[in-house]
Amino acid sequence: MKIRVINGPNLNMLGIREPEIYGHETYADLEAFIYRGAADLGVEVDIFQSNHEGALVDCIQQCLGTADAIVINPAAYTHTSVAILDALKAVGLPAVEVHLSDVRSREDFRRVSYSSRACMAAIAGLGFEGYRRAIQQIIAL
């Protein structure tokens, strides 16, 4: 099984950006965590990160025929991007949305998720562990 992990804007700034919310671990630490977790679970992952909405849409579309499922943290685009929602719907692959922080307990605008409408589940507030749980949910299919 091959899972594409897609990360949105500012995740490349982990460890620097708002460490009181996101912690002190870096994006490289997150990638290492995901690769180790996937290996432990017996699946292959390909990780992509971009700060650009169109690049995220392109990556989602490229999953068609190359991935079995998607784990996506659209970051700020969660709350604004119909384009990402439409791309997830278009490819029709099983998808799980992940957020490092508990977006439901933050600002009101963060409680709206367009992308989750095309996902089988959304996991928030578990930090890096949310990615492992997302992969486990996909495997359980």
Protein backbone atom coordinates (compact mmCIF):
# COMPACT_ATOMS: atom_id res chain seq x y z
CA MET A 1 0.00 0.00 0.00
CA LYS A 2 1.27 3.46 -0.92
CA ILE A 3 0.05 6.53 0.93
CA ARG A 4 0.80 10.11 -0.09
CA VAL A 5 1.20 12.45 2.88
CA ILE A 6 0.51 16.04 1.86
CA ASN A 7 1.36 18.98 4.12
CA GLY A 8 0.31 22.56 3.56
CA PRO A 9 1.64 26.01 4.31
CA ASN A 10 3.96 26.83 7.18
CA LEU A 11 4.51 23.25 8.26
CA ASN A 12 8.06 23.70 6.96
CA MET A 13 8.41 26.21 9.84
CA LEU A 14 7.76 23.67 12.61
CA GLY A 15 10.04 24.28 15.57
CA ILE A 16 10.13 28.00 14.77
CA ARG A 17 6.49 28.98 14.30
CA GLU A 18 4.46 29.32 17.50
CA PRO A 19 6.28 26.62 19.48
CA GLU A 20 3.75 27.05 22.30
CA ILE A 21 1.15 25.60 19.91
CA TYR A 22 3.18 23.38 17.58
CA GLY A 23 6.14 22.42 19.77
CA HIS A 24 9.87 22.56 19.17
CA GLU A 25 10.23 19.60 16.82
CA THR A 26 11.09 20.46 13.23
CA TYR A 27 9.57 19.48 9.90
CA ALA A 28 12.47 17.07 9.42
CA ASP A 29 11.48 15.48 12.74
CA LEU A 30 7.90 15.12 11.46
CA GLU A 31 9.07 13.48 8.23
CA ALA A 32 11.26 11.04 10.17
CA PHE A 33 8.34 10.22 12.47
CA ILE A 34 6.04 9.54 9.50
CA TYR A 35 8.59 7.37 7.67
CA ARG A 36 9.30 5.32 10.82
CA GLY A 37 5.60 4.91 11.59
CA ALA A 38 4.79 3.85 8.04
CA ALA A 39 7.62 1.31 8.04
CA ASP A 40 6.39 -0.09 11.37
CA LEU A 41 2.90 -0.43 9.85
CA GLY A 42 4.19 -2.00 6.63
CA VAL A 43 3.15 0.71 4.20
CA GLU A 44 5.06 2.99 1.85
CA VAL A 45 4.69 6.74 2.19
CA ASP A 46 5.64 9.62 -0.04
CA ILE A 47 5.69 13.00 1.71
CA PHE A 48 5.06 16.37 0.03
CA GLN A 49 4.93 19.89 1.49
CA SER A 50 4.14 23.20 -0.15
CA ASN A 51 3.11 26.68 0.86
CA HIS A 52 1.24 27.08 -2.43
CA GLU A 53 -2.38 26.05 -2.93
CA GLY A 54 -1.97 25.15 -6.59
CA ALA A 55 1.00 22.90 -5.84
CA LEU A 56 -1.12 21.08 -3.25
CA VAL A 57 -3.94 20.65 -5.78
CA ASP A 58 -1.44 19.35 -8.36
CA CYS A 59 -0.05 16.89 -5.81
CA ILE A 60 -3.52 15.60 -4.94
CA GLN A 61 -4.34 15.13 -8.63
CA GLN A 62 -1.04 13.28 -9.19
CA CYS A 63 -2.16 10.73 -6.58
CA LEU A 64 -4.61 9.31 -9.09
CA GLY A 65 -3.03 6.07 -10.26
CA THR A 66 0.08 6.48 -8.09
CA ALA A 67 -1.24 6.26 -4.50
CA ASP A 68 -3.80 4.17 -2.69
CA ALA A 69 -4.78 6.84 -0.17
CA ILE A 70 -4.00 10.34 1.08
CA VAL A 71 -3.16 11.76 4.49
CA ILE A 72 -3.49 15.53 4.28
CA ASN A 73 -2.77 18.42 6.58
CA PRO A 74 -3.96 21.35 4.49
CA ALA A 75 -2.97 23.71 7.33
CA ALA A 76 -4.48 27.18 6.79
CA TYR A 77 -6.02 26.06 3.49
CA THR A 78 -8.30 23.76 5.52
CA HIS A 79 -10.46 26.78 6.27
CA THR A 80 -10.37 28.48 2.88
CA SER A 81 -9.74 26.14 -0.03
CA VAL A 82 -12.60 24.83 -2.10
CA ALA A 83 -9.93 23.95 -4.70
CA ILE A 84 -8.34 21.40 -2.34
CA LEU A 85 -11.78 20.00 -1.48
CA ASP A 86 -12.59 19.65 -5.18
CA ALA A 87 -9.25 17.96 -5.91
CA LEU A 88 -9.83 15.42 -3.12
CA LYS A 89 -13.31 14.72 -4.49
CA ALA A 90 -11.99 14.43 -8.04
CA VAL A 91 -9.41 11.74 -7.27
CA GLY A 92 -11.84 9.86 -5.03
CA LEU A 93 -9.14 8.19 -2.93
CA PRO A 94 -9.60 7.41 0.75
CA ALA A 95 -8.28 10.42 2.66
CA VAL A 96 -7.77 11.41 6.28
CA GLU A 97 -7.27 15.01 7.38
CA VAL A 98 -4.72 15.67 10.12
CA HIS A 99 -3.95 18.71 12.27
CA LEU A 100 -1.18 18.93 14.83
CA SER A 101 -3.14 21.27 17.11
CA ASP A 102 -6.73 20.98 18.26
CA VAL A 103 -8.21 23.37 15.71
CA ARG A 104 -11.64 23.13 17.35
CA SER A 105 -10.34 24.80 20.49
CA ARG A 106 -8.64 27.68 18.68
CA GLU A 107 -10.02 30.70 16.79
CA ASP A 108 -13.56 30.39 15.43
CA PHE A 109 -12.45 30.42 11.80
CA ARG A 110 -10.32 27.31 12.38
CA ARG A 111 -13.43 25.29 13.23
CA VAL A 112 -14.49 25.29 9.57
CA SER A 113 -12.92 22.61 7.38
CA TYR A 114 -13.70 22.44 3.70
CA SER A 115 -11.28 19.60 3.01
CA SER A 116 -12.72 17.29 5.68
CA ARG A 117 -15.90 17.05 3.58
CA ALA A 118 -13.94 14.78 1.23
CA CYS A 119 -12.18 12.83 3.99
CA MET A 120 -13.25 9.70 5.82
CA ALA A 121 -11.95 11.12 9.11
CA ALA A 122 -10.26 14.12 10.66
CA ILE A 123 -7.71 13.86 13.46
CA ALA A 124 -6.70 16.94 15.42
CA GLY A 125 -4.73 17.78 18.51
CA LEU A 126 -2.51 14.69 18.72
CA GLY A 127 0.65 16.28 17.35
CA PHE A 128 2.81 13.97 15.24
CA GLU A 129 0.84 10.95 16.51
CA GLY A 130 -2.12 12.11 14.42
CA TYR A 131 -0.27 11.06 11.28
CA ARG A 132 0.27 7.52 12.59
CA ARG A 133 -3.40 7.28 13.54
CA ALA A 134 -4.42 8.49 10.08
CA ILE A 135 -2.30 5.80 8.45
CA GLN A 136 -3.79 3.19 10.79
CA GLN A 137 -7.31 4.25 9.79
CA ILE A 138 -6.45 3.91 6.13
CA ILE A 139 -4.94 0.46 6.66
CA ALA A 140 -8.10 -0.57 8.55
CA LEU A 141 -10.08 -0.08 5.34
